[in-house]
PDB file of N, CA and C in Angstrom:
ATOM      1  N   MET A   1      87.627  62.779 111.866  1.00  0.00           N
ATOM      2  CA  MET A   1      88.090  61.192 111.948  1.00  0.00           C
ATOM      3  C   MET A   1      87.699  60.396 110.463  1.00  0.00           C
ATOM      4  N   ALA A   2      88.719  59.884 109.978  1.00  0.00           N
ATOM      5  CA  ALA A   2      88.545  59.057 108.892  1.00  0.00           C
ATOM      6  C   ALA A   2      87.625  57.841 108.848  1.00  0.00           C
ATOM      7  N   SER A   3      86.991  57.558 107.849  1.00  0.00           N
ATOM      8  CA  SER A   3      86.162  56.454 107.878  1.00  0.00           C
ATOM      9  C   SER A   3      87.040  55.015 107.756  1.00  0.00           C
ATOM     10  N   ARG A   4      86.293  53.981 108.422  1.00  0.00           N
ATOM     11  CA  ARG A   4      87.238  52.591 108.292  1.00  0.00           C
ATOM     12  C   ARG A   4      86.137  51.723 107.676  1.00  0.00           C
ATOM     13  N   ASP A   5      85.282  52.387 106.986  1.00  0.00           N
ATOM     14  CA  ASP A   5      84.198  51.431 106.149  1.00  0.00           C
ATOM     15  C   ASP A   5      84.504  51.577 104.820  1.00  0.00           C
ATOM     16  N   PHE A   6      85.273  50.529 104.397  1.00  0.00           N
ATOM     17  CA  PHE A   6      85.571  50.533 103.113  1.00  0.00           C
ATOM     18  C   PHE A   6      85.230  49.119 102.487  1.00  0.00           C
ATOM     19  N   SER A   7      84.888  49.158 101.132  1.00  0.00           N
ATOM     20  CA  SER A   7      84.625  47.742 100.542  1.00  0.00           C
ATOM     21  C   SER A   7      86.125  47.628  99.840  1.00  0.00           C
ATOM     22  N   GLY A   8      86.193  46.090  99.508  1.00  0.00           N
ATOM     23  CA  GLY A   8      87.413  45.787  98.798  1.00  0.00           C
ATOM     24  C   GLY A   8      87.557  46.511  97.626  1.00  0.00           C
ATOM     25  N   GLU A   9      86.594  46.630  96.819  1.00  0.00           N
ATOM     26  CA  GLU A   9      86.662  47.300  95.422  1.00  0.00           C
ATOM     27  C   GLU A   9      87.156  48.809  95.694  1.00  0.00           C
ATOM     28  N   GLU A  10      86.775  49.334  96.767  1.00  0.00           N
ATOM     29  CA  GLU A  10      87.370  50.862  96.965  1.00  0.00           C
ATOM     30  C   GLU A  10      88.624  50.821  97.416  1.00  0.00           C
ATOM     31  N   ILE A  11      89.150  49.852  97.773  1.00  0.00           N
ATOM     32  CA  ILE A  11      90.498  49.848  98.281  1.00  0.00           C
ATOM     33  C   ILE A  11      91.391  49.446  97.156  1.00  0.00           C
ATOM     34  N   VAL A  12      90.948  48.439  96.279  1.00  0.00           N
ATOM     35  CA  VAL A  12      91.698  48.312  95.027  1.00  0.00           C
ATOM     36  C   VAL A  12      91.734  49.351  94.152  1.00  0.00           C
ATOM     37  N   ASN A  13      90.657  50.001  94.034  1.00  0.00           N
ATOM     38  CA  ASN A  13      90.718  51.275  93.149  1.00  0.00           C
ATOM     39  C   ASN A  13      91.753  52.510  93.487  1.00  0.00           C
ATOM     40  N   VAL A  14      91.709  52.560  94.888  1.00  0.00           N
ATOM     41  CA  VAL A  14      92.732  53.589  95.324  1.00  0.00           C
ATOM     42  C   VAL A  14      94.092  53.207  95.119  1.00  0.00           C
ATOM     43  N   LEU A  15      94.488  51.999  95.464  1.00  0.00           N
ATOM     44  CA  LEU A  15      95.743  51.425  95.418  1.00  0.00           C
ATOM     45  C   LEU A  15      96.105  51.370  93.752  1.00  0.00           C
ATOM     46  N   GLN A  16      95.334  51.234  92.920  1.00  0.00           N
ATOM     47  CA  GLN A  16      95.588  51.119  91.492  1.00  0.00           C
ATOM     48  C   GLN A  16      96.019  52.519  91.104  1.00  0.00           C
ATOM     49  N   LYS A  17      95.075  53.658  91.619  1.00  0.00           N
ATOM     50  CA  LYS A  17      95.568  54.943  91.103  1.00  0.00           C
ATOM     51  C   LYS A  17      97.136  55.238  91.703  1.00  0.00           C
ATOM     52  N   PHE A  18      97.622  54.519  92.655  1.00  0.00           N
ATOM     53  CA  PHE A  18      98.802  54.909  92.982  1.00  0.00           C
ATOM     54  C   PHE A  18      99.815  53.714  92.580  1.00  0.00           C
ATOM     55  N   GLY A  19      99.795  53.151  91.480  1.00  0.00           N
ATOM     56  CA  GLY A  19     100.788  52.280  91.089  1.00  0.00           C
ATOM     57  C   GLY A  19     100.735  50.904  91.392  1.00  0.00           C
ATOM     58  N   TYR A  20      99.710  50.466  92.102  1.00  0.00           N
ATOM     59  CA  TYR A  20      99.547  48.885  92.439  1.00  0.00           C
ATOM     60  C   TYR A  20      98.786  48.334  91.206  1.00  0.00           C
ATOM     61  N   ARG A  21      99.229  47.179  90.648  1.00  0.00           N
ATOM     62  CA  ARG A  21      98.589  46.709  89.629  1.00  0.00           C
ATOM     63  C   ARG A  21      98.059  45.397  89.953  1.00  0.00           C
ATOM     64  N   HIS A  22      96.833  45.142  89.270  1.00  0.00           N
ATOM     65  CA  HIS A  22      96.280  43.810  89.809  1.00  0.00           C
ATOM     66  C   HIS A  22      96.929  42.882  88.988  1.00  0.00           C
ATOM     67  N   ASP A  23      97.323  41.758  89.742  1.00  0.00           N
ATOM     68  CA  ASP A  23      98.190  40.669  89.308  1.00  0.00           C
ATOM     69  C   ASP A  23      97.303  39.395  89.065  1.00  0.00           C
ATOM     70  N   ARG A  24      96.305  39.139  90.122  1.00  0.00           N
ATOM     71  CA  ARG A  24      95.234  38.101  89.560  1.00  0.00           C
ATOM     72  C   ARG A  24      94.147  38.214  90.647  1.00  0.00           C
ATOM     73  N   THR A  25      93.193  37.441  90.624  1.00  0.00           N
ATOM     74  CA  THR A  25      92.033  37.279  91.503  1.00  0.00           C
ATOM     75  C   THR A  25      92.195  35.817  91.912  1.00  0.00           C
ATOM     76  N   ARG A  26      92.050  35.397  93.156  1.00  0.00           N
ATOM     77  CA  ARG A  26      92.110  34.207  93.673  1.00  0.00           C
ATOM     78  C   ARG A  26      90.742  34.211  94.570  1.00  0.00           C
ATOM     79  N   GLY A  27      89.717  33.206  94.112  1.00  0.00           N
ATOM     80  CA  GLY A  27      88.487  33.353  94.676  1.00  0.00           C
ATOM     81  C   GLY A  27      87.877  34.704  94.854  1.00  0.00           C
ATOM     82  N   ASP A  28      87.639  35.102  95.928  1.00  0.00           N
ATOM     83  CA  ASP A  28      87.038  36.606  96.154  1.00  0.00           C
ATOM     84  C   ASP A  28      88.176  37.545  96.719  1.00  0.00           C
ATOM     85  N   HIS A  29      89.427  37.301  96.330  1.00  0.00           N
ATOM     86  CA  HIS A  29      90.552  38.081  96.841  1.00  0.00           C
ATOM     87  C   HIS A  29      91.238  38.639  95.489  1.00  0.00           C
ATOM     88  N   ALA A  30      91.525  39.914  95.575  1.00  0.00           N
ATOM     89  CA  ALA A  30      92.327  40.504  94.450  1.00  0.00           C
ATOM     90  C   ALA A  30      93.953  40.570  95.106  1.00  0.00           C
ATOM     91  N   ILE A  31      94.761  39.949  94.273  1.00  0.00           N
ATOM     92  CA  ILE A  31      96.127  39.962  94.494  1.00  0.00           C
ATOM     93  C   ILE A  31      96.777  41.289  93.707  1.00  0.00           C
ATOM     94  N   LEU A  32      97.148  42.269  94.414  1.00  0.00           N
ATOM     95  CA  LEU A  32      97.810  43.353  93.756  1.00  0.00           C
ATOM     96  C   LEU A  32      99.553  43.357  94.036  1.00  0.00           C
ATOM     97  N   LYS A  33     100.212  43.814  93.120  1.00  0.00           N
ATOM     98  CA  LYS A  33     101.738  44.076  93.102  1.00  0.00           C
ATOM     99  C   LYS A  33     102.202  45.522  92.986  1.00  0.00           C
ATOM    100  N   TYR A  34     103.153  45.693  93.716  1.00  0.00           N
ATOM    101  CA  TYR A  34     103.738  47.174  93.606  1.00  0.00           C
ATOM    102  C   TYR A  34     105.204  47.087  93.770  1.00  0.00           C
ATOM    103  N   THR A  35     105.883  47.673  92.794  1.00  0.00           N
ATOM    104  CA  THR A  35     107.191  48.006  92.828  1.00  0.00           C
ATOM    105  C   THR A  35     107.557  49.508  93.070  1.00  0.00           C
ATOM    106  N   HIS A  36     108.202  49.823  93.974  1.00  0.00           N
ATOM    107  CA  HIS A  36     108.661  51.268  94.387  1.00  0.00           C
ATOM    108  C   HIS A  36     109.518  51.719  93.338  1.00  0.00           C
ATOM    109  N   PRO A  37     109.328  52.953  92.584  1.00  0.00           N
ATOM    110  CA  PRO A  37     110.033  53.202  91.492  1.00  0.00           C
ATOM    111  C   PRO A  37     111.484  53.674  92.009  1.00  0.00           C
ATOM    112  N   GLU A  38     111.777  54.162  93.264  1.00  0.00           N
ATOM    113  CA  GLU A  38     112.949  54.586  93.423  1.00  0.00           C
ATOM    114  C   GLU A  38     113.963  53.530  94.005  1.00  0.00           C
ATOM    115  N   THR A  39     113.208  52.589  94.994  1.00  0.00           N
ATOM    116  CA  THR A  39     113.834  51.645  95.718  1.00  0.00           C
ATOM    117  C   THR A  39     114.014  50.339  95.060  1.00  0.00           C
ATOM    118  N   GLY A  40     112.939  50.078  94.277  1.00  0.00           N
ATOM    119  CA  GLY A  40     112.672  48.649  93.624  1.00  0.00           C
ATOM    120  C   GLY A  40     112.087  47.812  94.582  1.00  0.00           C
ATOM    121  N   GLU A  41     111.734  48.193  95.757  1.00  0.00           N
ATOM    122  CA  GLU A  41     110.939  47.479  96.871  1.00  0.00           C
ATOM    123  C   GLU A  41     109.843  46.883  96.213  1.00  0.00           C
ATOM    124  N   LYS A  42     109.582  45.548  96.468  1.00  0.00           N
ATOM    125  CA  LYS A  42     108.280  44.957  95.756  1.00  0.00           C
ATOM    126  C   LYS A  42     107.262  44.597  97.016  1.00  0.00           C
ATOM    127  N   ARG A  43     106.231  44.866  96.769  1.00  0.00           N
ATOM    128  CA  ARG A  43     105.089  44.492  97.815  1.00  0.00           C
ATOM    129  C   ARG A  43     103.875  43.748  96.973  1.00  0.00           C
ATOM    130  N   THR A  44     103.198  42.816  97.837  1.00  0.00           N
ATOM    131  CA  THR A  44     102.197  42.024  97.243  1.00  0.00           C
ATOM    132  C   THR A  44     101.213  42.211  98.302  1.00  0.00           C
ATOM    133  N   VAL A  45     100.014  42.692  97.874  1.00  0.00           N
ATOM    134  CA  VAL A  45      98.819  43.121  98.773  1.00  0.00           C
ATOM    135  C   VAL A  45      97.616  42.275  98.301  1.00  0.00           C
ATOM    136  N   THR A  46      97.041  41.717  99.384  1.00  0.00           N
ATOM    137  CA  THR A  46      95.977  40.766  99.138  1.00  0.00           C
ATOM    138  C   THR A  46      94.597  41.593  99.760  1.00  0.00           C
ATOM    139  N   VAL A  47      93.656  41.768  98.965  1.00  0.00           N
ATOM    140  CA  VAL A  47      92.384  42.623  99.169  1.00  0.00           C
ATOM    141  C   VAL A  47      91.165  41.756  99.048  1.00  0.00           C
ATOM    142  N   PRO A  48      90.543  41.369 100.075  1.00  0.00           N
ATOM    143  CA  PRO A  48      89.081  40.764  99.983  1.00  0.00           C
ATOM    144  C   PRO A  48      88.278  41.674  99.235  1.00  0.00           C
ATOM    145  N   LEU A  49      87.541  41.104  98.204  1.00  0.00           N
ATOM    146  CA  LEU A  49      86.533  41.807  97.558  1.00  0.00           C
ATOM    147  C   LEU A  49      85.003  41.597  98.198  1.00  0.00           C
ATOM    148  N   HIS A  50      85.086  42.139  99.395  1.00  0.00           N
ATOM    149  CA  HIS A  50      83.739  41.956 100.071  1.00  0.00           C
ATOM    150  C   HIS A  50      83.110  43.531 100.252  1.00  0.00           C
ATOM    151  N   ASP A  51      81.864  43.473 100.702  1.00  0.00           N
ATOM    152  CA  ASP A  51      81.073  44.892 100.647  1.00  0.00           C
ATOM    153  C   ASP A  51      81.850  45.641 101.628  1.00  0.00           C
ATOM    154  N   ARG A  52      82.286  45.074 102.881  1.00  0.00           N
ATOM    155  CA  ARG A  52      82.729  45.751 103.974  1.00  0.00           C
ATOM    156  C   ARG A  52      83.996  44.892 104.313  1.00  0.00           C
ATOM    157  N   VAL A  53      85.100  45.655 104.545  1.00  0.00           N
ATOM    158  CA  VAL A  53      86.351  44.862 104.864  1.00  0.00           C
ATOM    159  C   VAL A  53      86.422  45.073 106.461  1.00  0.00           C
ATOM    160  N   ARG A  54      86.753  44.001 107.228  1.00  0.00           N
ATOM    161  CA  ARG A  54      86.755  44.097 108.592  1.00  0.00           C
ATOM    162  C   ARG A  54      87.904  44.849 109.242  1.00  0.00           C
ATOM    163  N   ILE A  55      87.921  45.231 110.152  1.00  0.00           N
ATOM    164  CA  ILE A  55      88.932  46.178 110.804  1.00  0.00           C
ATOM    165  C   ILE A  55      90.332  45.526 110.897  1.00  0.00           C
ATOM    166  N   GLY A  56      90.299  44.391 111.308  1.00  0.00           N
ATOM    167  CA  GLY A  56      91.551  43.560 111.499  1.00  0.00           C
ATOM    168  C   GLY A  56      92.112  43.098 109.974  1.00  0.00           C
ATOM    169  N   THR A  57      91.457  42.984 109.316  1.00  0.00           N
ATOM    170  CA  THR A  57      91.695  42.738 107.683  1.00  0.00           C
ATOM    171  C   THR A  57      92.314  44.066 107.110  1.00  0.00           C
ATOM    172  N   LEU A  58      91.777  45.133 107.562  1.00  0.00           N
ATOM    173  CA  LEU A  58      92.101  46.455 107.027  1.00  0.00           C
ATOM    174  C   LEU A  58      93.456  46.871 107.466  1.00  0.00           C
ATOM    175  N   GLN A  59      93.740  46.417 108.882  1.00  0.00           N
ATOM    176  CA  GLN A  59      94.898  46.631 109.319  1.00  0.00           C
ATOM    177  C   GLN A  59      96.014  45.858 108.585  1.00  0.00           C
ATOM    178  N   ASN A  60      95.701  44.464 108.421  1.00  0.00           N
ATOM    179  CA  ASN A  60      96.623  43.658 107.598  1.00  0.00           C
ATOM    180  C   ASN A  60      96.838  44.252 106.277  1.00  0.00           C
ATOM    181  N   ILE A  61      96.071  44.856 105.553  1.00  0.00           N
ATOM    182  CA  ILE A  61      96.147  45.497 104.276  1.00  0.00           C
ATOM    183  C   ILE A  61      97.188  46.576 104.183  1.00  0.00           C
ATOM    184  N   ALA A  62      96.802  47.463 105.402  1.00  0.00           N
ATOM    185  CA  ALA A  62      97.667  48.659 105.792  1.00  0.00           C
ATOM    186  C   ALA A  62      99.191  48.074 105.992  1.00  0.00           C
ATOM    187  N   ASP A  63      99.363  47.020 106.571  1.00  0.00           N
ATOM    188  CA  ASP A  63     100.798  46.650 107.112  1.00  0.00           C
ATOM    189  C   ASP A  63     101.277  46.119 105.571  1.00  0.00           C
ATOM    190  N   GLN A  64     100.549  45.473 104.825  1.00  0.00           N
ATOM    191  CA  GLN A  64     101.017  45.007 103.477  1.00  0.00           C
ATOM    192  C   GLN A  64     101.509  46.128 102.547  1.00  0.00           C
ATOM    193  N   CYS A  65     100.958  47.108 102.573  1.00  0.00           N
ATOM    194  CA  CYS A  65     101.145  48.442 102.008  1.00  0.00           C
ATOM    195  C   CYS A  65     102.362  49.274 102.217  1.00  0.00           C
ATOM    196  N   GLY A  66     102.785  48.934 103.739  1.00  0.00           N
ATOM    197  CA  GLY A  66     104.085  49.447 104.300  1.00  0.00           C
ATOM    198  C   GLY A  66     103.468  50.646 105.103  1.00  0.00           C
ATOM    199  N   ALA A  67     102.228  50.825 105.395  1.00  0.00           N
ATOM    200  CA  ALA A  67     101.777  52.110 106.162  1.00  0.00           C
ATOM    201  C   ALA A  67     102.353  51.961 107.609  1.00  0.00           C
ATOM    202  N   GLU A  68     102.826  53.162 108.029  1.00  0.00           N
ATOM    203  CA  GLU A  68     103.403  53.392 109.424  1.00  0.00           C
ATOM    204  C   GLU A  68     102.543  53.655 110.273  1.00  0.00           C
ATOM    205  N   ASN A  69     101.225  54.476 109.851  1.00  0.00           N
ATOM    206  CA  ASN A  69     100.354  54.770 110.876  1.00  0.00           C
ATOM    207  C   ASN A  69      98.912  54.313 110.321  1.00  0.00           C
ATOM    208  N   PHE A  70      98.290  53.271 110.842  1.00  0.00           N
ATOM    209  CA  PHE A  70      96.968  52.732 110.529  1.00  0.00           C
ATOM    210  C   PHE A  70      95.946  53.896 110.342  1.00  0.00           C
ATOM    211  N   HIS A  71      95.688  54.870 111.163  1.00  0.00           N
ATOM    212  CA  HIS A  71      94.859  56.062 111.058  1.00  0.00           C
ATOM    213  C   HIS A  71      95.056  56.698 109.815  1.00  0.00           C
ATOM    214  N   ASP A  72      96.330  57.084 109.905  1.00  0.00           N
ATOM    215  CA  ASP A  72      96.708  58.111 108.560  1.00  0.00           C
ATOM    216  C   ASP A  72      96.528  57.331 107.169  1.00  0.00           C
ATOM    217  N   TRP A  73      96.782  55.853 107.094  1.00  0.00           N
ATOM    218  CA  TRP A  73      96.571  55.093 106.002  1.00  0.00           C
ATOM    219  C   TRP A  73      94.961  55.220 105.724  1.00  0.00           C
ATOM    220  N   CYS A  74      94.116  54.861 106.652  1.00  0.00           N
ATOM    221  CA  CYS A  74      92.621  54.824 106.513  1.00  0.00           C
ATOM    222  C   CYS A  74      92.064  56.413 105.972  1.00  0.00           C
ATOM    223  N   GLU A  75      92.779  57.500 106.436  1.00  0.00           N
ATOM    224  CA  GLU A  75      92.378  58.682 106.001  1.00  0.00           C
ATOM    225  C   GLU A  75      92.829  58.810 104.492  1.00  0.00           C
ATOM    226  N   TRP A  76      94.023  58.420 104.309  1.00  0.00           N
ATOM    227  CA  TRP A  76      94.505  58.447 102.774  1.00  0.00           C
ATOM    228  C   TRP A  76      93.607  57.686 101.862  1.00  0.00           C
ATOM    229  N   ILE A  77      93.037  56.409 102.186  1.00  0.00           N
ATOM    230  CA  ILE A  77      92.239  55.676 101.508  1.00  0.00           C
ATOM    231  C   ILE A  77      90.895  56.480 101.219  1.00  0.00           C
ATOM    232  N   ASP A  78      90.359  56.958 102.429  1.00  0.00           N
ATOM    233  CA  ASP A  78      89.117  57.737 102.432  1.00  0.00           C
ATOM    234  C   ASP A  78      89.108  58.902 101.454  1.00  0.00           C
ATOM    235  N   GLU A  79      90.305  59.682 101.587  1.00  0.00           N
ATOM    236  CA  GLU A  79      90.364  61.031 100.639  1.00  0.00           C
ATOM    237  C   GLU A  79      90.566  60.632  99.189  1.00  0.00           C
ATOM    238  N   HIS A  80      90.931  59.380  98.866  1.00  0.00           N
ATOM    239  CA  HIS A  80      91.171  59.103  97.351  1.00  0.00           C
ATOM    240  C   HIS A  80      90.114  58.078  96.787  1.00  0.00           C
ATOM    241  N   ARG A  81      89.201  57.703  97.462  1.00  0.00           N
ATOM    242  CA  ARG A  81      88.239  56.906  97.060  1.00  0.00           C
ATOM    243  C   ARG A  81      87.156  57.569  96.055  1.00  0.00           C
TER     244      ARG A  81
END
């Protein structure tokens, strides 16, 4: 089973490895932008830079990333951190 215990910094680092770019920081939240290379679809993802991101917030981040399956998304983050 994949971990669901991630820090905001770990999530940001994984997303940046896969084409998300840091747009700005607002308070203790990193705002990341992503443009799909083939479709041009744009996404904005907000990640709180906390030591441990709560499960509901983690689900919101996965939704913002376009994840179809939350469990699979957590596995993907866990594998690439």
